[in-house]
Every structure is written in structure tokens, then in C-alpha cells.
PDB file of N, CA and C in Angstrom:
ATOM      1  N   MET A   1     -12.989 -80.691 -58.642  1.00  0.00           N
ATOM      2  CA  MET A   1     -13.032 -80.396 -60.064  1.00  0.00           C
ATOM      3  C   MET A   1     -13.406 -81.682 -60.799  1.00  0.00           C
ATOM      4  N   ILE A   2     -14.469 -81.615 -61.559  1.00  0.00           N
ATOM      5  CA  ILE A   2     -14.875 -82.746 -62.388  1.00  0.00           C
ATOM      6  C   ILE A   2     -14.101 -82.656 -63.703  1.00  0.00           C
ATOM      7  N   VAL A   3     -13.447 -83.744 -64.085  1.00  0.00           N
ATOM      8  CA  VAL A   3     -12.695 -83.792 -65.343  1.00  0.00           C
ATOM      9  C   VAL A   3     -13.141 -85.035 -66.101  1.00  0.00           C
ATOM     10  N   VAL A   4     -13.711 -84.822 -67.286  1.00  0.00           N
ATOM     11  CA  VAL A   4     -14.236 -85.945 -68.064  1.00  0.00           C
ATOM     12  C   VAL A   4     -13.835 -85.833 -69.529  1.00  0.00           C
ATOM     13  N   THR A   5     -13.867 -86.970 -70.208  1.00  0.00           N
ATOM     14  CA  THR A   5     -13.576 -86.997 -71.640  1.00  0.00           C
ATOM     15  C   THR A   5     -14.823 -86.775 -72.485  1.00  0.00           C
ATOM     16  N   THR A   6     -15.977 -86.733 -71.844  1.00  0.00           N
ATOM     17  CA  THR A   6     -17.242 -86.601 -72.556  1.00  0.00           C
ATOM     18  C   THR A   6     -17.683 -85.136 -72.635  1.00  0.00           C
ATOM     19  N   GLU A   7     -18.671 -84.885 -73.474  1.00  0.00           N
ATOM     20  CA  GLU A   7     -19.215 -83.540 -73.613  1.00  0.00           C
ATOM     21  C   GLU A   7     -20.291 -83.262 -72.566  1.00  0.00           C
ATOM     22  N   ASN A   8     -20.982 -84.305 -72.147  1.00  0.00           N
ATOM     23  CA  ASN A   8     -22.075 -84.172 -71.182  1.00  0.00           C
ATOM     24  C   ASN A   8     -21.789 -84.990 -69.940  1.00  0.00           C
ATOM     25  N   ILE A   9     -22.344 -84.534 -68.811  1.00  0.00           N
ATOM     26  CA  ILE A   9     -22.188 -85.223 -67.537  1.00  0.00           C
ATOM     27  C   ILE A   9     -23.580 -85.446 -66.970  1.00  0.00           C
ATOM     28  N   ALA A  10     -23.870 -86.670 -66.613  1.00  0.00           N
ATOM     29  CA  ALA A  10     -25.195 -86.999 -66.081  1.00  0.00           C
ATOM     30  C   ALA A  10     -25.539 -86.107 -64.898  1.00  0.00           C
ATOM     31  N   ASN A  11     -26.768 -85.620 -64.874  1.00  0.00           N
ATOM     32  CA  ASN A  11     -27.318 -84.810 -63.786  1.00  0.00           C
ATOM     33  C   ASN A  11     -26.702 -83.414 -63.660  1.00  0.00           C
ATOM     34  N   PHE A  12     -25.975 -82.963 -64.688  1.00  0.00           N
ATOM     35  CA  PHE A  12     -25.420 -81.616 -64.711  1.00  0.00           C
ATOM     36  C   PHE A  12     -25.690 -80.996 -66.074  1.00  0.00           C
ATOM     37  N   ARG A  13     -25.686 -79.684 -66.088  1.00  0.00           N
ATOM     38  CA  ARG A  13     -25.736 -78.980 -67.366  1.00  0.00           C
ATOM     39  C   ARG A  13     -24.673 -77.903 -67.350  1.00  0.00           C
ATOM     40  N   VAL A  14     -24.192 -77.564 -68.531  1.00  0.00           N
ATOM     41  CA  VAL A  14     -23.185 -76.515 -68.642  1.00  0.00           C
ATOM     42  C   VAL A  14     -23.893 -75.171 -68.537  1.00  0.00           C
ATOM     43  N   LYS A  15     -23.594 -74.461 -67.481  1.00  0.00           N
ATOM     44  CA  LYS A  15     -24.167 -73.132 -67.265  1.00  0.00           C
ATOM     45  C   LYS A  15     -23.401 -72.087 -68.070  1.00  0.00           C
ATOM     46  N   GLU A  16     -22.063 -72.269 -68.128  1.00  0.00           N
ATOM     47  CA  GLU A  16     -21.225 -71.310 -68.841  1.00  0.00           C
ATOM     48  C   GLU A  16     -19.992 -72.012 -69.387  1.00  0.00           C
ATOM     49  N   THR A  17     -19.665 -71.726 -70.634  1.00  0.00           N
ATOM     50  CA  THR A  17     -18.426 -72.216 -71.235  1.00  0.00           C
ATOM     51  C   THR A  17     -17.391 -71.110 -71.100  1.00  0.00           C
ATOM     52  N   ILE A  18     -16.317 -71.415 -70.391  1.00  0.00           N
ATOM     53  CA  ILE A  18     -15.286 -70.402 -70.147  1.00  0.00           C
ATOM     54  C   ILE A  18     -14.265 -70.387 -71.278  1.00  0.00           C
ATOM     55  N   GLY A  19     -13.822 -71.576 -71.699  1.00  0.00           N
ATOM     56  CA  GLY A  19     -12.876 -71.624 -72.813  1.00  0.00           C
ATOM     57  C   GLY A  19     -11.866 -72.744 -72.678  1.00  0.00           C
ATOM     58  N   GLN A  20     -10.937 -72.744 -73.604  1.00  0.00           N
ATOM     59  CA  GLN A  20      -9.902 -73.772 -73.671  1.00  0.00           C
ATOM     60  C   GLN A  20      -8.951 -73.644 -72.493  1.00  0.00           C
ATOM     61  N   CYS A  21      -8.571 -74.788 -71.937  1.00  0.00           N
ATOM     62  CA  CYS A  21      -7.554 -74.801 -70.896  1.00  0.00           C
ATOM     63  C   CYS A  21      -6.600 -75.951 -71.182  1.00  0.00           C
ATOM     64  N   PHE A  22      -5.398 -75.857 -70.664  1.00  0.00           N
ATOM     65  CA  PHE A  22      -4.401 -76.877 -70.971  1.00  0.00           C
ATOM     66  C   PHE A  22      -3.374 -76.990 -69.855  1.00  0.00           C
ATOM     67  N   GLY A  23      -2.662 -78.098 -69.871  1.00  0.00           N
ATOM     68  CA  GLY A  23      -1.528 -78.324 -68.983  1.00  0.00           C
ATOM     69  C   GLY A  23      -0.430 -78.992 -69.797  1.00  0.00           C
ATOM     70  N   VAL A  24       0.777 -78.465 -69.730  1.00  0.00           N
ATOM     71  CA  VAL A  24       1.897 -78.955 -70.541  1.00  0.00           C
ATOM     72  C   VAL A  24       3.008 -79.447 -69.633  1.00  0.00           C
ATOM     73  N   VAL A  25       3.606 -80.577 -70.005  1.00  0.00           N
ATOM     74  CA  VAL A  25       4.764 -81.127 -69.299  1.00  0.00           C
ATOM     75  C   VAL A  25       5.766 -81.604 -70.345  1.00  0.00           C
ATOM     76  N   VAL A  26       7.038 -81.273 -70.144  1.00  0.00           N
ATOM     77  CA  VAL A  26       8.110 -81.797 -70.993  1.00  0.00           C
ATOM     78  C   VAL A  26       9.029 -82.588 -70.086  1.00  0.00           C
ATOM     79  N   ARG A  27       9.260 -83.827 -70.442  1.00  0.00           N
ATOM     80  CA  ARG A  27      10.086 -84.723 -69.633  1.00  0.00           C
ATOM     81  C   ARG A  27      11.260 -85.239 -70.444  1.00  0.00           C
ATOM     82  N   SER A  28      12.366 -85.415 -69.763  1.00  0.00           N
ATOM     83  CA  SER A  28      13.544 -86.003 -70.378  1.00  0.00           C
ATOM     84  C   SER A  28      13.941 -87.243 -69.587  1.00  0.00           C
ATOM     85  N   ARG A  29      14.284 -88.264 -70.297  1.00  0.00           N
ATOM     86  CA  ARG A  29      14.771 -89.497 -69.676  1.00  0.00           C
ATOM     87  C   ARG A  29      16.260 -89.337 -69.452  1.00  0.00           C
ATOM     88  N   GLY A  30      16.755 -89.643 -68.276  1.00  0.00           N
ATOM     89  CA  GLY A  30      18.180 -89.534 -67.982  1.00  0.00           C
ATOM     90  C   GLY A  30      19.001 -90.555 -68.759  1.00  0.00           C
ATOM     91  N   LEU A  31      20.295 -90.373 -68.759  1.00  0.00           N
ATOM     92  CA  LEU A  31      21.204 -91.264 -69.489  1.00  0.00           C
ATOM     93  C   LEU A  31      21.064 -92.715 -69.040  1.00  0.00           C
ATOM     94  N   GLY A  32      20.957 -92.937 -67.729  1.00  0.00           N
ATOM     95  CA  GLY A  32      20.798 -94.296 -67.203  1.00  0.00           C
ATOM     96  C   GLY A  32      19.511 -94.933 -67.689  1.00  0.00           C
ATOM     97  N   GLY A  33      18.424 -94.151 -67.680  1.00  0.00           N
ATOM     98  CA  GLY A  33      17.136 -94.658 -68.159  1.00  0.00           C
ATOM     99  C   GLY A  33      17.169 -94.979 -69.635  1.00  0.00           C
ATOM    100  N   ASN A  34      17.853 -94.137 -70.421  1.00  0.00           N
ATOM    101  CA  ASN A  34      17.969 -94.392 -71.856  1.00  0.00           C
ATOM    102  C   ASN A  34      18.767 -95.665 -72.125  1.00  0.00           C
ATOM    103  N   LEU A  35      19.823 -95.890 -71.343  1.00  0.00           N
ATOM    104  CA  LEU A  35      20.616 -97.108 -71.515  1.00  0.00           C
ATOM    105  C   LEU A  35      19.794 -98.350 -71.189  1.00  0.00           C
ATOM    106  N   MET A  36      19.061 -98.302 -70.074  1.00  0.00           N
ATOM    107  CA  MET A  36      18.233 -99.453 -69.692  1.00  0.00           C
ATOM    108  C   MET A  36      17.133 -99.689 -70.731  1.00  0.00           C
ATOM    109  N   ALA A  37      16.505 -98.620 -71.189  1.00  0.00           N
ATOM    110  CA  ALA A  37      15.454 -98.755 -72.194  1.00  0.00           C
ATOM    111  C   ALA A  37      16.022 -99.321 -73.487  1.00  0.00           C
ATOM    112  N   GLY A  38      17.219 -98.882 -73.864  1.00  0.00           N
ATOM    113  CA  GLY A  38      17.868 -99.402 -75.071  1.00  0.00           C
ATOM    114  C   GLY A  38      18.148-100.887 -74.959  1.00  0.00           C
ATOM    115  N   LEU A  39      18.610-101.316 -73.795  1.00  0.00           N
ATOM    116  CA  LEU A  39      18.879-102.745 -73.587  1.00  0.00           C
ATOM    117  C   LEU A  39      17.581-103.551 -73.626  1.00  0.00           C
ATOM    118  N   ARG A  40      16.511-103.026 -73.006  1.00  0.00           N
ATOM    119  CA  ARG A  40      15.224-103.727 -73.019  1.00  0.00           C
ATOM    120  C   ARG A  40      14.662-103.835 -74.434  1.00  0.00           C
ATOM    121  N   SER A  41      14.900-102.812 -75.251  1.00  0.00           N
ATOM    122  CA  SER A  41      14.353-102.835 -76.608  1.00  0.00           C
ATOM    123  C   SER A  41      14.988-103.929 -77.449  1.00  0.00           C
ATOM    124  N   LEU A  42      16.162-104.397 -77.070  1.00  0.00           N
ATOM    125  CA  LEU A  42      16.817-105.480 -77.815  1.00  0.00           C
ATOM    126  C   LEU A  42      16.063-106.795 -77.686  1.00  0.00           C
ATOM    127  N   VAL A  43      15.442-107.025 -76.527  1.00  0.00           N
ATOM    128  CA  VAL A  43      14.733-108.286 -76.298  1.00  0.00           C
ATOM    129  C   VAL A  43      13.236-108.169 -76.539  1.00  0.00           C
ATOM    130  N   GLY A  44      12.747-106.952 -76.733  1.00  0.00           N
ATOM    131  CA  GLY A  44      11.324-106.753 -76.998  1.00  0.00           C
ATOM    132  C   GLY A  44      10.520-106.631 -75.721  1.00  0.00           C
ATOM    133  N   GLY A  45       9.250-106.304 -75.873  1.00  0.00           N
ATOM    134  CA  GLY A  45       8.353-106.162 -74.731  1.00  0.00           C
ATOM    135  C   GLY A  45       8.232-104.730 -74.258  1.00  0.00           C
ATOM    136  N   GLU A  46       7.534-104.556 -73.154  1.00  0.00           N
ATOM    137  CA  GLU A  46       7.287-103.228 -72.608  1.00  0.00           C
ATOM    138  C   GLU A  46       8.574-102.610 -72.079  1.00  0.00           C
ATOM    139  N   ILE A  47       8.753-101.331 -72.322  1.00  0.00           N
ATOM    140  CA  ILE A  47       9.886-100.597 -71.778  1.00  0.00           C
ATOM    141  C   ILE A  47       9.359 -99.836 -70.566  1.00  0.00           C
ATOM    142  N   VAL A  48       9.524-100.452 -69.418  1.00  0.00           N
ATOM    143  CA  VAL A  48       8.917 -99.991 -68.173  1.00  0.00           C
ATOM    144  C   VAL A  48       9.352 -98.568 -67.823  1.00  0.00           C
ATOM    145  N   GLU A  49      10.619 -98.240 -68.075  1.00  0.00           N
ATOM    146  CA  GLU A  49      11.114 -96.905 -67.741  1.00  0.00           C
ATOM    147  C   GLU A  49      10.328 -95.818 -68.469  1.00  0.00           C
ATOM    148  N   TYR A  50      10.031 -96.035 -69.745  1.00  0.00           N
ATOM    149  CA  TYR A  50       9.286 -95.043 -70.515  1.00  0.00           C
ATOM    150  C   TYR A  50       7.808 -95.034 -70.139  1.00  0.00           C
ATOM    151  N   THR A  51       7.250 -96.201 -69.865  1.00  0.00           N
ATOM    152  CA  THR A  51       5.850 -96.263 -69.439  1.00  0.00           C
ATOM    153  C   THR A  51       5.657 -95.466 -68.159  1.00  0.00           C
ATOM    154  N   LYS A  52       6.531 -95.661 -67.193  1.00  0.00           N
ATOM    155  CA  LYS A  52       6.440 -94.941 -65.929  1.00  0.00           C
ATOM    156  C   LYS A  52       6.588 -93.440 -66.147  1.00  0.00           C
ATOM    157  N   MET A  53       7.553 -93.044 -66.972  1.00  0.00           N
ATOM    158  CA  MET A  53       7.773 -91.625 -67.237  1.00  0.00           C
ATOM    159  C   MET A  53       6.536 -90.979 -67.863  1.00  0.00           C
ATOM    160  N   LEU A  54       5.913 -91.661 -68.830  1.00  0.00           N
ATOM    161  CA  LEU A  54       4.750 -91.093 -69.501  1.00  0.00           C
ATOM    162  C   LEU A  54       3.517 -91.068 -68.598  1.00  0.00           C
ATOM    163  N   GLU A  55       3.348 -92.078 -67.752  1.00  0.00           N
ATOM    164  CA  GLU A  55       2.239 -92.056 -66.789  1.00  0.00           C
ATOM    165  C   GLU A  55       2.374 -90.884 -65.833  1.00  0.00           C
ATOM    166  N   GLU A  56       3.574 -90.655 -65.319  1.00  0.00           N
ATOM    167  CA  GLU A  56       3.811 -89.523 -64.424  1.00  0.00           C
ATOM    168  C   GLU A  56       3.599 -88.205 -65.150  1.00  0.00           C
ATOM    169  N   ALA A  57       4.057 -88.115 -66.381  1.00  0.00           N
ATOM    170  CA  ALA A  57       3.895 -86.881 -67.154  1.00  0.00           C
ATOM    171  C   ALA A  57       2.417 -86.585 -67.398  1.00  0.00           C
ATOM    172  N   ARG A  58       1.619 -87.600 -67.681  1.00  0.00           N
ATOM    173  CA  ARG A  58       0.178 -87.387 -67.867  1.00  0.00           C
ATOM    174  C   ARG A  58      -0.479 -86.895 -66.587  1.00  0.00           C
ATOM    175  N   ARG A  59      -0.104 -87.486 -65.458  1.00  0.00           N
ATOM    176  CA  ARG A  59      -0.654 -87.031 -64.173  1.00  0.00           C
ATOM    177  C   ARG A  59      -0.300 -85.570 -63.908  1.00  0.00           C
ATOM    178  N   HIS A  60       0.953 -85.203 -64.175  1.00  0.00           N
ATOM    179  CA  HIS A  60       1.364 -83.815 -63.970  1.00  0.00           C
ATOM    180  C   HIS A  60       0.651 -82.872 -64.938  1.00  0.00           C
ATOM    181  N   ALA A  61       0.455 -83.315 -66.170  1.00  0.00           N
ATOM    182  CA  ALA A  61      -0.252 -82.491 -67.151  1.00  0.00           C
ATOM    183  C   ALA A  61      -1.696 -82.257 -66.705  1.00  0.00           C
ATOM    184  N   ILE A  62      -2.351 -83.289 -66.168  1.00  0.00           N
ATOM    185  CA  ILE A  62      -3.723 -83.121 -65.673  1.00  0.00           C
ATOM    186  C   ILE A  62      -3.739 -82.176 -64.474  1.00  0.00           C
ATOM    187  N   ASP A  63      -2.770 -82.301 -63.572  1.00  0.00           N
ATOM    188  CA  ASP A  63      -2.691 -81.383 -62.425  1.00  0.00           C
ATOM    189  C   ASP A  63      -2.583 -79.938 -62.898  1.00  0.00           C
ATOM    190  N   ARG A  64      -1.761 -79.702 -63.906  1.00  0.00           N
ATOM    191  CA  ARG A  64      -1.595 -78.346 -64.438  1.00  0.00           C
ATOM    192  C   ARG A  64      -2.854 -77.884 -65.171  1.00  0.00           C
ATOM    193  N   LEU A  65      -3.515 -78.806 -65.858  1.00  0.00           N
ATOM    194  CA  LEU A  65      -4.778 -78.503 -66.533  1.00  0.00           C
ATOM    195  C   LEU A  65      -5.820 -78.044 -65.514  1.00  0.00           C
ATOM    196  N   VAL A  66      -5.951 -78.778 -64.434  1.00  0.00           N
ATOM    197  CA  VAL A  66      -6.919 -78.441 -63.386  1.00  0.00           C
ATOM    198  C   VAL A  66      -6.581 -77.081 -62.773  1.00  0.00           C
ATOM    199  N   ALA A  67      -5.298 -76.827 -62.494  1.00  0.00           N
ATOM    200  CA  ALA A  67      -4.894 -75.536 -61.928  1.00  0.00           C
ATOM    201  C   ALA A  67      -5.246 -74.395 -62.881  1.00  0.00           C
ATOM    202  N   ASN A  68      -5.036 -74.609 -64.185  1.00  0.00           N
ATOM    203  CA  ASN A  68      -5.367 -73.599 -65.188  1.00  0.00           C
ATOM    204  C   ASN A  68      -6.863 -73.325 -65.202  1.00  0.00           C
ATOM    205  N   ALA A  69      -7.669 -74.379 -65.162  1.00  0.00           N
ATOM    206  CA  ALA A  69      -9.131 -74.224 -65.175  1.00  0.00           C
ATOM    207  C   ALA A  69      -9.621 -73.522 -63.913  1.00  0.00           C
ATOM    208  N   GLN A  70      -9.036 -73.840 -62.763  1.00  0.00           N
ATOM    209  CA  GLN A  70      -9.423 -73.180 -61.513  1.00  0.00           C
ATOM    210  C   GLN A  70      -9.105 -71.688 -61.582  1.00  0.00           C
ATOM    211  N   THR A  71      -7.960 -71.343 -62.139  1.00  0.00           N
ATOM    212  CA  THR A  71      -7.587 -69.942 -62.306  1.00  0.00           C
ATOM    213  C   THR A  71      -8.599 -69.209 -63.181  1.00  0.00           C
ATOM    214  N   MET A  72      -9.162 -69.921 -64.145  1.00  0.00           N
ATOM    215  CA  MET A  72     -10.158 -69.330 -65.050  1.00  0.00           C
ATOM    216  C   MET A  72     -11.539 -69.233 -64.397  1.00  0.00           C
ATOM    217  N   GLY A  73     -11.722 -69.864 -63.222  1.00  0.00           N
ATOM    218  CA  GLY A  73     -13.001 -69.821 -62.523  1.00  0.00           C
ATOM    219  C   GLY A  73     -13.917 -70.989 -62.841  1.00  0.00           C
ATOM    220  N   ALA A  74     -13.396 -72.033 -63.469  1.00  0.00           N
ATOM    221  CA  ALA A  74     -14.212 -73.195 -63.830  1.00  0.00           C
ATOM    222  C   ALA A  74     -14.379 -74.138 -62.641  1.00  0.00           C
ATOM    223  N   ASN A  75     -15.433 -74.948 -62.701  1.00  0.00           N
ATOM    224  CA  ASN A  75     -15.584 -76.014 -61.713  1.00  0.00           C
ATOM    225  C   ASN A  75     -15.567 -77.392 -62.373  1.00  0.00           C
ATOM    226  N   ALA A  76     -15.316 -77.403 -63.702  1.00  0.00           N
ATOM    227  CA  ALA A  76     -15.229 -78.681 -64.417  1.00  0.00           C
ATOM    228  C   ALA A  76     -14.475 -78.484 -65.725  1.00  0.00           C
ATOM    229  N   ILE A  77     -13.978 -79.609 -66.232  1.00  0.00           N
ATOM    230  CA  ILE A  77     -13.338 -79.643 -67.548  1.00  0.00           C
ATOM    231  C   ILE A  77     -14.004 -80.769 -68.325  1.00  0.00           C
ATOM    232  N   ILE A  78     -14.511 -80.433 -69.487  1.00  0.00           N
ATOM    233  CA  ILE A  78     -15.122 -81.444 -70.350  1.00  0.00           C
ATOM    234  C   ILE A  78     -14.245 -81.646 -71.576  1.00  0.00           C
ATOM    235  N   MET A  79     -14.462 -82.780 -72.245  1.00  0.00           N
ATOM    236  CA  MET A  79     -13.750 -83.105 -73.477  1.00  0.00           C
ATOM    237  C   MET A  79     -12.226 -83.184 -73.281  1.00  0.00           C
ATOM    238  N   LEU A  80     -11.792 -83.768 -72.159  1.00  0.00           N
ATOM    239  CA  LEU A  80     -10.362 -83.937 -71.896  1.00  0.00           C
ATOM    240  C   LEU A  80      -9.715 -84.758 -72.997  1.00  0.00           C
ATOM    241  N   ARG A  81      -8.576 -84.297 -73.473  1.00  0.00           N
ATOM    242  CA  ARG A  81      -7.791 -85.007 -74.475  1.00  0.00           C
ATOM    243  C   ARG A  81      -6.313 -84.878 -74.114  1.00  0.00           C
ATOM    244  N   PHE A  82      -5.515 -85.785 -74.674  1.00  0.00           N
ATOM    245  CA  PHE A  82      -4.067 -85.725 -74.530  1.00  0.00           C
ATOM    246  C   PHE A  82      -3.440 -85.642 -75.909  1.00  0.00           C
ATOM    247  N   ASP A  83      -2.310 -84.978 -75.965  1.00  0.00           N
ATOM    248  CA  ASP A  83      -1.493 -84.955 -77.172  1.00  0.00           C
ATOM    249  C   ASP A  83      -0.064 -85.140 -76.709  1.00  0.00           C
ATOM    250  N   SER A  84       0.743 -85.746 -77.538  1.00  0.00           N
ATOM    251  CA  SER A  84       2.143 -85.923 -77.175  1.00  0.00           C
ATOM    252  C   SER A  84       3.015 -85.799 -78.406  1.00  0.00           C
ATOM    253  N   SER A  85       4.253 -85.428 -78.157  1.00  0.00           N
ATOM    254  CA  SER A  85       5.221 -85.330 -79.245  1.00  0.00           C
ATOM    255  C   SER A  85       6.618 -85.503 -78.674  1.00  0.00           C
ATOM    256  N   GLU A  86       7.548 -85.731 -79.543  1.00  0.00           N
ATOM    257  CA  GLU A  86       8.944 -85.881 -79.151  1.00  0.00           C
ATOM    258  C   GLU A  86       9.678 -84.590 -79.461  1.00  0.00           C
ATOM    259  N   ILE A  87      10.570 -84.199 -78.566  1.00  0.00           N
ATOM    260  CA  ILE A  87      11.443 -83.062 -78.789  1.00  0.00           C
ATOM    261  C   ILE A  87      12.858 -83.622 -78.784  1.00  0.00           C
ATOM    262  N   GLY A  88      13.483 -83.623 -79.921  1.00  0.00           N
ATOM    263  CA  GLY A  88      14.780 -84.280 -80.024  1.00  0.00           C
ATOM    264  C   GLY A  88      14.594 -85.776 -79.865  1.00  0.00           C
ATOM    265  N   GLN A  89      15.607 -86.452 -79.345  1.00  0.00           N
ATOM    266  CA  GLN A  89      15.496 -87.896 -79.156  1.00  0.00           C
ATOM    267  C   GLN A  89      15.377 -88.288 -77.696  1.00  0.00           C
ATOM    268  N   THR A  90      15.396 -87.294 -76.803  1.00  0.00           N
ATOM    269  CA  THR A  90      15.397 -87.639 -75.377  1.00  0.00           C
ATOM    270  C   THR A  90      14.251 -87.008 -74.586  1.00  0.00           C
ATOM    271  N   MET A  91      13.435 -86.174 -75.225  1.00  0.00           N
ATOM    272  CA  MET A  91      12.386 -85.479 -74.479  1.00  0.00           C
ATOM    273  C   MET A  91      11.010 -85.767 -75.067  1.00  0.00           C
ATOM    274  N   SER A  92      10.028 -85.830 -74.180  1.00  0.00           N
ATOM    275  CA  SER A  92       8.638 -86.023 -74.586  1.00  0.00           C
ATOM    276  C   SER A  92       7.807 -84.871 -74.037  1.00  0.00           C
ATOM    277  N   GLU A  93       6.921 -84.356 -74.871  1.00  0.00           N
ATOM    278  CA  GLU A  93       5.986 -83.320 -74.454  1.00  0.00           C
ATOM    279  C   GLU A  93       4.615 -83.966 -74.346  1.00  0.00           C
ATOM    280  N   ILE A  94       3.950 -83.744 -73.212  1.00  0.00           N
ATOM    281  CA  ILE A  94       2.593 -84.232 -73.004  1.00  0.00           C
ATOM    282  C   ILE A  94       1.718 -83.012 -72.752  1.00  0.00           C
ATOM    283  N   VAL A  95       0.625 -82.900 -73.496  1.00  0.00           N
ATOM    284  CA  VAL A  95      -0.322 -81.807 -73.310  1.00  0.00           C
ATOM    285  C   VAL A  95      -1.679 -82.407 -72.974  1.00  0.00           C
ATOM    286  N   ALA A  96      -2.264 -81.969 -71.868  1.00  0.00           N
ATOM    287  CA  ALA A  96      -3.644 -82.313 -71.522  1.00  0.00           C
ATOM    288  C   ALA A  96      -4.460 -81.062 -71.803  1.00  0.00           C
ATOM    289  N   TYR A  97      -5.561 -81.212 -72.544  1.00  0.00           N
ATOM    290  CA  TYR A  97      -6.374 -80.040 -72.843  1.00  0.00           C
ATOM    291  C   TYR A  97      -7.847 -80.394 -72.844  1.00  0.00           C
ATOM    292  N   GLY A  98      -8.659 -79.377 -72.653  1.00  0.00           N
ATOM    293  CA  GLY A  98     -10.098 -79.568 -72.621  1.00  0.00           C
ATOM    294  C   GLY A  98     -10.797 -78.225 -72.588  1.00  0.00           C
ATOM    295  N   THR A  99     -12.080 -78.250 -72.284  1.00  0.00           N
ATOM    296  CA  THR A  99     -12.877 -77.032 -72.219  1.00  0.00           C
ATOM    297  C   THR A  99     -13.259 -76.776 -70.766  1.00  0.00           C
ATOM    298  N   ALA A 100     -12.879 -75.602 -70.270  1.00  0.00           N
ATOM    299  CA  ALA A 100     -13.223 -75.194 -68.908  1.00  0.00           C
ATOM    300  C   ALA A 100     -14.669 -74.697 -68.908  1.00  0.00           C
ATOM    301  N   VAL A 101     -15.469 -75.226 -67.980  1.00  0.00           N
ATOM    302  CA  VAL A 101     -16.882 -74.848 -67.910  1.00  0.00           C
ATOM    303  C   VAL A 101     -17.310 -74.654 -66.461  1.00  0.00           C
ATOM    304  N   ILE A 102     -18.467 -74.050 -66.321  1.00  0.00           N
ATOM    305  CA  ILE A 102     -19.131 -74.003 -65.017  1.00  0.00           C
ATOM    306  C   ILE A 102     -20.371 -74.881 -65.143  1.00  0.00           C
ATOM    307  N   LEU A 103     -20.414 -75.912 -64.313  1.00  0.00           N
ATOM    308  CA  LEU A 103     -21.547 -76.835 -64.298  1.00  0.00           C
ATOM    309  C   LEU A 103     -22.506 -76.459 -63.181  1.00  0.00           C
ATOM    310  N   GLU A 104     -23.767 -76.814 -63.374  1.00  0.00           N
ATOM    311  CA  GLU A 104     -24.744 -76.733 -62.298  1.00  0.00           C
ATOM    312  C   GLU A 104     -25.603 -77.977 -62.320  1.00  0.00           C
ATOM    313  N   PRO A 105     -26.035 -78.423 -61.154  1.00  0.00           N
ATOM    314  CA  PRO A 105     -26.896 -79.615 -61.102  1.00  0.00           C
ATOM    315  C   PRO A 105     -28.222 -79.356 -61.824  1.00  0.00           C
ATOM    316  N   VAL A 106     -28.767 -80.417 -62.406  1.00  0.00           N
ATOM    317  CA  VAL A 106     -30.068 -80.303 -63.083  1.00  0.00           C
ATOM    318  C   VAL A 106     -31.165 -80.544 -62.070  1.00  0.00           C
TER     319      VAL A 106
END
């Protein structure tokens, strides 16, 4: 599955646009992680626990996005984007979305 942030892909053309596809992940940081992150925030700098959690959540969101596009019969996703939001004070929602298409070589 080709997944790109662009509208066009070199040496391919969009044969068919299938439609919007997405992958959603909601993650919660455990109590221990929140305590460590809180302590790190006192001294400043990167909060490694949250960075790791968000990187994993993005990977899972892309995996779900690809599975959704495959179910729709696509062989590529163009215009990949991410959106995120907070749910309460302990959960993060990550959404990967794009357009499911069928590509063919030029």
C-alpha cells in the first residue's frame, strides 16, 4: 500500500478515487507515566513518555488507516494527514486520514 502526503505520485495516475478513509486511536497515559511526565515538566525539555506514546499512536493510526483503505479496495492513500485532540486530561486521540484511491502505472 502506497501512503503519501501528496496529491500526486511520480509515475502513477489515479485511476479511481474511492473516498475518505481513516484510522483512529485513543491512548491514555498510566498513572506512573503521568507522574514521571509531571516531574520532567518541572525541569523543562522533552517529555519522553508522551513523545513515545504519540509516536506509537500515530503508527497504530496509520495501520488502521491502511486496513480501512484495503477493505475499501484501494491500493494507495493520498493526501495523508493527522489530527489530534485531548479527551479529558489523560487521553489523546490521534486520527490519520486521507483519500483511498486505485493507482495505475503511467
